């Protein structure tokens, strides 16, 4: 892997498989009570400009289980470009800690932080990319013994950061990704041109028909709260409910990266069904990120 993990494009297919193999090994060890202190004495600085449950807890627990330590910094602690410049923050943290994980709005800020840091920087989420989530999604699918080369993986909803990362991952790992979004909310055409394994559907039912996996996400992400009411109207027909899910294969799995707005993009009946692997996804953030941390920080 490169020094940093800022987006899916930073990886090769070999990197992905290596992370998955290590994540599986670490998960097995954890379940057997045989954890190893692979990052003993290491410290991860975690910068949060957005609220978090899964990202914060999974990285915190990951470092603890690996023998390391975390320091949480809020927006008040790290006011990029206001209290202190990003280059100065990057250079200072590089003297104190062994890696930085950041969850923020602008991808450009993450890239600038990495440019000036001498230690690894991990993208915990930006408005344009969510690489840790996308890797976890594919890892979870592989755990279910789905043949990724033959599967139909359908994503319905907003062409957001999760959708973009899944598109890049589909191109990298050569699996077929089908996307159905309302007009005006589809992923950027430029991104789709470099992803030949991605199909954009105008017909929602056709997108879901015979799918092996059906994935959805919130219709209004953080920072889009003012658009929530309008988006609820636009996306209403894209709700993942039992009627829509019945168009997929009877064995199809349901995915959602959480937090879920039950009754909007997904119904209780679906997210709580036997087909749901939503909370397997949530758990696997821990194991996949442990693998990422070890791959990056063990080099330091």
Protein backbone atom coordinates (compact mmCIF):
# COMPACT_ATOMS: atom_id res chain seq x y z
CA UNK A 1 0.00 0.00 0.00
CA UNK A 2 0.95 3.65 -0.34
CA UNK A 3 1.84 5.65 2.77
CA UNK A 4 -1.76 6.87 3.07
CA UNK A 5 -5.27 5.51 2.52
CA UNK A 6 -7.25 8.44 1.14
CA UNK A 7 -9.45 6.76 -1.46
CA UNK A 8 -9.98 3.43 -3.20
CA UNK A 9 -7.77 4.61 -6.08
CA UNK A 10 -4.80 4.49 -3.69
CA UNK A 11 -5.00 0.69 -3.74
CA UNK A 12 -4.27 -2.20 -6.06
CA UNK A 13 -6.34 -5.37 -6.20
CA UNK A 14 -3.45 -7.11 -4.44
CA UNK A 15 -3.66 -4.55 -1.62
CA UNK A 16 -7.38 -5.25 -1.23
CA UNK A 17 -6.93 -9.01 -1.08
CA UNK A 18 -4.07 -8.61 1.41
CA UNK A 19 -6.24 -6.45 3.68
CA UNK A 20 -9.12 -8.94 3.44
CA UNK A 21 -6.86 -11.86 4.32
CA UNK A 22 -5.44 -10.02 7.32
CA UNK A 23 -8.89 -8.80 8.42
CA UNK A 24 -10.19 -12.37 8.34
CA UNK A 25 -7.19 -13.59 10.34
CA UNK A 26 -7.56 -10.81 12.93
CA UNK A 27 -11.30 -11.42 13.23
CA UNK A 28 -10.74 -15.12 13.85
CA UNK A 29 -8.08 -14.37 16.45
CA UNK A 30 -10.36 -11.89 18.19
CA UNK A 31 -13.25 -14.35 18.28
CA UNK A 32 -10.92 -16.97 19.76
CA UNK A 33 -9.50 -14.59 22.36
CA UNK A 34 -6.04 -14.73 20.80
CA UNK A 35 -5.39 -11.08 20.00
CA UNK A 36 -1.84 -9.93 19.28
CA UNK A 37 -0.43 -6.56 20.26
CA UNK A 38 0.64 -5.73 16.73
CA UNK A 39 0.59 -1.97 17.33
CA UNK A 40 1.84 -1.85 20.92
CA UNK A 41 3.11 1.59 21.78
CA UNK A 42 1.55 3.20 18.68
CA UNK A 43 -0.82 6.17 18.81
CA UNK A 44 -3.55 7.13 16.34
CA UNK A 45 -4.81 10.73 16.28
CA UNK A 46 -8.49 10.84 15.28
CA UNK A 47 -9.82 14.12 13.89
CA UNK A 48 -13.59 14.54 13.74
CA UNK A 49 -15.25 17.43 11.92
CA UNK A 50 -18.41 15.29 11.65
CA UNK A 51 -20.21 13.33 14.38
CA UNK A 52 -19.58 9.61 14.44
CA UNK A 53 -20.59 6.35 16.07
CA UNK A 54 -19.18 3.53 13.93
CA UNK A 55 -16.05 5.29 12.70
CA UNK A 56 -15.01 6.56 16.11
CA UNK A 57 -15.79 3.41 18.09
CA UNK A 58 -14.39 0.98 15.51
CA UNK A 59 -11.05 2.81 15.18
CA UNK A 60 -10.82 3.32 18.94
CA UNK A 61 -11.52 -0.35 19.71
CA UNK A 62 -9.25 -1.46 16.86
CA UNK A 63 -6.27 0.39 18.32
CA UNK A 64 -7.04 -0.87 21.82
CA UNK A 65 -7.23 -4.49 20.66
CA UNK A 66 -3.99 -4.08 18.73
CA UNK A 67 -2.23 -2.71 21.81
CA UNK A 68 -2.22 0.93 20.73
CA UNK A 69 -3.80 4.17 21.86
CA UNK A 70 -6.04 6.86 20.35
CA UNK A 71 -6.41 10.60 20.84
CA UNK A 72 -9.67 12.22 19.72
CA UNK A 73 -9.61 15.74 18.29
CA UNK A 74 -12.81 17.64 17.56
CA UNK A 75 -13.39 20.53 15.17
CA UNK A 76 -12.68 22.90 18.04
CA UNK A 77 -9.27 21.27 18.56
CA UNK A 78 -8.34 21.20 14.88
CA UNK A 79 -9.89 24.20 13.15
CA UNK A 80 -8.30 23.73 9.76
CA UNK A 81 -7.11 27.01 8.28
CA UNK A 82 -8.54 29.05 11.15
CA UNK A 83 -6.67 28.45 14.37
CA UNK A 84 -3.81 26.79 12.53
CA UNK A 85 -2.86 25.87 8.99
CA UNK A 86 -3.28 22.31 7.74
CA UNK A 87 0.47 21.95 6.94
CA UNK A 88 1.39 23.02 10.47
CA UNK A 89 -1.14 20.61 12.00
CA UNK A 90 0.21 17.80 9.84
CA UNK A 91 3.84 18.48 10.72
CA UNK A 92 3.09 18.84 14.43
CA UNK A 93 1.06 15.65 14.68
CA UNK A 94 3.80 13.81 12.77
CA UNK A 95 6.12 14.52 15.70
CA UNK A 96 3.67 13.21 18.31
CA UNK A 97 1.71 10.27 16.90
CA UNK A 98 2.14 7.39 14.47
CA UNK A 99 -0.88 7.91 12.19
CA UNK A 100 -3.89 10.16 11.66
CA UNK A 101 -7.48 9.21 10.88
CA UNK A 102 -9.72 12.07 9.79
CA UNK A 103 -13.48 12.28 9.26
CA UNK A 104 -14.35 15.59 7.61
CA UNK A 105 -16.15 17.30 4.74
CA UNK A 106 -13.59 18.20 2.07
CA UNK A 107 -11.46 15.55 0.38
CA UNK A 108 -8.96 18.29 -0.49
CA UNK A 109 -8.27 18.89 3.21
CA UNK A 110 -7.51 15.21 3.74
CA UNK A 111 -5.15 15.22 0.78
CA UNK A 112 -3.38 18.35 2.02
CA UNK A 113 -3.01 16.82 5.48
CA UNK A 114 -1.43 13.72 3.94
CA UNK A 115 0.84 15.81 1.71
CA UNK A 116 2.46 17.53 4.68
CA UNK A 117 2.39 14.63 7.17
CA UNK A 118 5.29 12.22 7.38
CA UNK A 119 3.02 9.59 8.94
CA UNK A 120 0.09 7.66 7.39
CA UNK A 121 -3.24 9.48 6.98
CA UNK A 122 -6.48 7.48 6.75
CA UNK A 123 -9.70 8.86 5.29
CA UNK A 124 -12.47 8.01 7.76
CA UNK A 125 -15.04 9.75 5.51
CA UNK A 126 -15.36 12.84 3.35
CA UNK A 127 -18.25 14.18 1.29
CA UNK A 128 -16.76 12.58 -1.82
CA UNK A 129 -15.28 9.32 -0.53
CA UNK A 130 -15.80 6.62 2.11
CA UNK A 131 -13.11 4.04 1.33
CA UNK A 132 -13.12 2.19 4.67
CA UNK A 133 -16.84 1.56 4.26
CA UNK A 134 -16.56 0.30 0.68
CA UNK A 135 -13.79 -2.14 1.61
CA UNK A 136 -15.86 -3.38 4.52
CA UNK A 137 -18.87 -3.87 2.26
CA UNK A 138 -16.98 -6.10 -0.15
CA UNK A 139 -15.30 -7.98 2.70
CA UNK A 140 -18.73 -8.69 4.21
CA UNK A 141 -20.04 -9.94 0.88
CA UNK A 142 -17.07 -12.27 0.48
CA UNK A 143 -17.71 -13.64 3.98
CA UNK A 144 -21.13 -14.78 2.74
CA UNK A 145 -19.44 -16.95 0.09
CA UNK A 146 -20.84 -14.93 -2.81
CA UNK A 147 -18.91 -15.28 -6.06
CA UNK A 148 -18.07 -11.63 -6.67
CA UNK A 149 -17.17 -12.28 -10.30
CA UNK A 150 -20.73 -13.49 -10.97
CA UNK A 151 -22.82 -11.50 -8.51
CA UNK A 152 -25.27 -8.72 -9.29
CA UNK A 153 -24.62 -6.02 -6.70
CA UNK A 154 -27.31 -3.32 -6.76
CA UNK A 155 -27.06 0.05 -5.05
CA UNK A 156 -30.18 2.23 -4.90
CA UNK A 157 -30.38 5.83 -3.76
CA UNK A 158 -28.14 8.87 -3.69
CA UNK A 159 -24.94 8.93 -5.73
CA UNK A 160 -23.02 9.94 -2.61
CA UNK A 161 -19.59 9.20 -1.11
CA UNK A 162 -20.46 5.54 -0.50
CA UNK A 163 -21.70 5.10 -4.07
CA UNK A 164 -18.54 6.73 -5.46
CA UNK A 165 -16.27 4.48 -3.43
CA UNK A 166 -18.23 1.38 -4.46
CA UNK A 167 -17.91 2.46 -8.11
CA UNK A 168 -14.14 2.74 -7.82
CA UNK A 169 -13.96 -0.56 -5.97
CA UNK A 170 -16.04 -2.30 -8.65
CA UNK A 171 -13.62 -1.08 -11.30
CA UNK A 172 -10.62 -2.20 -9.24
CA UNK A 173 -11.97 -5.63 -8.22
CA UNK A 174 -13.94 -6.27 -11.43
CA UNK A 175 -17.42 -6.94 -10.07
CA UNK A 176 -20.70 -5.81 -11.60
CA UNK A 177 -22.30 -2.90 -9.80
CA UNK A 178 -25.79 -1.72 -10.75
CA UNK A 179 -26.96 1.72 -9.61
CA UNK A 180 -30.42 3.26 -9.61
CA UNK A 181 -30.74 6.90 -8.53
CA UNK A 182 -33.28 9.64 -9.19
CA UNK A 183 -32.45 11.99 -12.04
CA UNK A 184 -30.12 14.69 -10.79
CA UNK A 185 -28.76 12.53 -7.98
CA UNK A 186 -26.75 10.02 -10.01
CA UNK A 187 -22.97 9.63 -9.67
CA UNK A 188 -20.89 11.92 -11.87
CA UNK A 189 -20.61 10.88 -15.52
CA UNK A 190 -16.83 11.36 -15.44
CA UNK A 191 -16.52 8.78 -12.69
CA UNK A 192 -18.66 6.29 -14.58
CA UNK A 193 -16.54 6.54 -17.73
CA UNK A 194 -13.58 4.97 -15.94
CA UNK A 195 -15.71 2.22 -14.37
CA UNK A 196 -16.76 -0.21 -17.13
CA UNK A 197 -18.26 -2.69 -14.67
CA UNK A 198 -20.91 -0.19 -13.50
CA UNK A 199 -24.40 0.02 -15.01
CA UNK A 200 -26.70 2.99 -14.38
CA UNK A 201 -30.41 2.14 -14.51
CA UNK A 202 -33.35 4.42 -15.18
CA UNK A 203 -35.68 1.56 -14.27
CA UNK A 204 -35.49 0.81 -10.52
CA UNK A 205 -37.23 -2.57 -10.83
CA UNK A 206 -34.80 -3.69 -13.52
CA UNK A 207 -31.85 -2.64 -11.36
CA UNK A 208 -33.05 -4.79 -8.45
CA UNK A 209 -34.32 -7.77 -10.49
CA UNK A 210 -32.39 -10.98 -9.65
CA UNK A 211 -29.84 -9.09 -7.55
CA UNK A 212 -27.61 -11.01 -5.14
CA UNK A 213 -27.08 -7.94 -2.95
CA UNK A 214 -29.30 -4.86 -2.55
CA UNK A 215 -27.67 -1.88 -0.86
CA UNK A 216 -29.10 1.49 0.17
CA UNK A 217 -27.97 4.50 2.17
CA UNK A 218 -29.47 7.63 3.69
CA UNK A 219 -31.05 10.05 1.23
CA UNK A 220 -29.60 13.14 2.94
CA UNK A 221 -26.06 12.93 4.27
CA UNK A 222 -24.53 15.08 7.00
CA UNK A 223 -24.37 18.65 5.78
CA UNK A 224 -27.50 18.17 3.64
CA UNK A 225 -30.05 18.53 6.44
CA UNK A 226 -31.64 21.54 4.73
CA UNK A 227 -32.38 19.32 1.73
CA UNK A 228 -33.90 16.44 3.70
CA UNK A 229 -37.56 17.29 3.11
CA UNK A 230 -37.09 17.81 -0.62
CA UNK A 231 -34.96 14.68 -0.96
CA UNK A 232 -37.60 12.63 0.86
CA UNK A 233 -40.05 13.54 -1.91
CA UNK A 234 -37.59 12.91 -4.75
CA UNK A 235 -36.42 9.55 -3.38
CA UNK A 236 -39.79 8.24 -2.16
CA UNK A 237 -40.05 5.63 -4.93
CA UNK A 238 -36.56 4.37 -4.10
CA UNK A 239 -37.43 3.03 -0.67
CA UNK A 240 -36.02 -0.44 -0.03
CA UNK A 241 -39.15 -2.23 1.14
CA UNK A 242 -40.40 -5.81 0.94
CA UNK A 243 -42.13 -5.31 -2.40
CA UNK A 244 -38.91 -4.05 -4.01
CA UNK A 245 -36.71 -6.64 -2.31
CA UNK A 246 -38.95 -9.44 -3.60
CA UNK A 247 -37.72 -8.60 -7.11
CA UNK A 248 -34.22 -9.68 -6.11
CA UNK A 249 -33.15 -13.29 -5.66
CA UNK A 250 -34.83 -15.04 -2.70
CA UNK A 251 -31.34 -15.43 -1.22
CA UNK A 252 -30.41 -11.78 -1.73
CA UNK A 253 -28.67 -9.93 1.08
CA UNK A 254 -29.63 -6.46 2.27
CA UNK A 255 -26.95 -3.89 3.10
CA UNK A 256 -26.94 -0.39 4.60
CA UNK A 257 -23.89 1.45 5.94
CA UNK A 258 -25.89 3.16 8.75
CA UNK A 259 -27.20 5.32 10.26
CA UNK A 260 -30.53 4.20 8.82
CA UNK A 261 -33.57 6.41 8.66
CA UNK A 262 -36.16 3.69 9.14
CA UNK A 263 -39.34 4.33 7.22
CA UNK A 264 -37.52 6.46 4.66
CA UNK A 265 -34.81 4.73 2.59
CA UNK A 266 -35.46 1.36 4.23
CA UNK A 267 -38.31 -0.24 6.17
CA UNK A 268 -38.11 -2.05 9.49
CA UNK A 269 -39.39 -5.19 7.79
CA UNK A 270 -36.35 -5.26 5.51
CA UNK A 271 -33.53 -4.07 7.76
CA UNK A 272 -34.63 -6.45 10.52
CA UNK A 273 -35.21 -9.40 8.19
CA UNK A 274 -33.18 -12.60 7.98
CA UNK A 275 -31.76 -11.28 4.68
CA UNK A 276 -30.19 -8.27 6.36
CA UNK A 277 -26.42 -8.28 6.92
CA UNK A 278 -26.41 -4.63 7.97
CA UNK A 279 -24.97 -5.28 11.40
CA UNK A 280 -22.40 -7.71 10.00
CA UNK A 281 -21.25 -4.72 7.94
CA UNK A 282 -21.10 -2.57 11.05
CA UNK A 283 -19.03 -5.13 12.95
CA UNK A 284 -16.67 -5.67 10.05
CA UNK A 285 -15.66 -2.01 10.06
CA UNK A 286 -13.63 -2.99 13.14
CA UNK A 287 -11.83 -5.91 11.53
CA UNK A 288 -11.13 -4.32 8.15
CA UNK A 289 -9.85 -1.13 9.76
CA UNK A 290 -7.62 -3.16 12.06
CA UNK A 291 -6.05 -4.63 8.95
CA UNK A 292 -5.62 -1.19 7.38
CA UNK A 293 -4.02 0.14 10.56
CA UNK A 294 -1.58 -2.76 10.76
CA UNK A 295 -0.65 -2.48 7.07
CA UNK A 296 0.06 1.25 7.37
CA UNK A 297 1.35 1.67 10.92
CA UNK A 298 3.59 -1.38 11.17
CA UNK A 299 5.84 0.33 8.60
CA UNK A 300 6.42 3.30 10.89
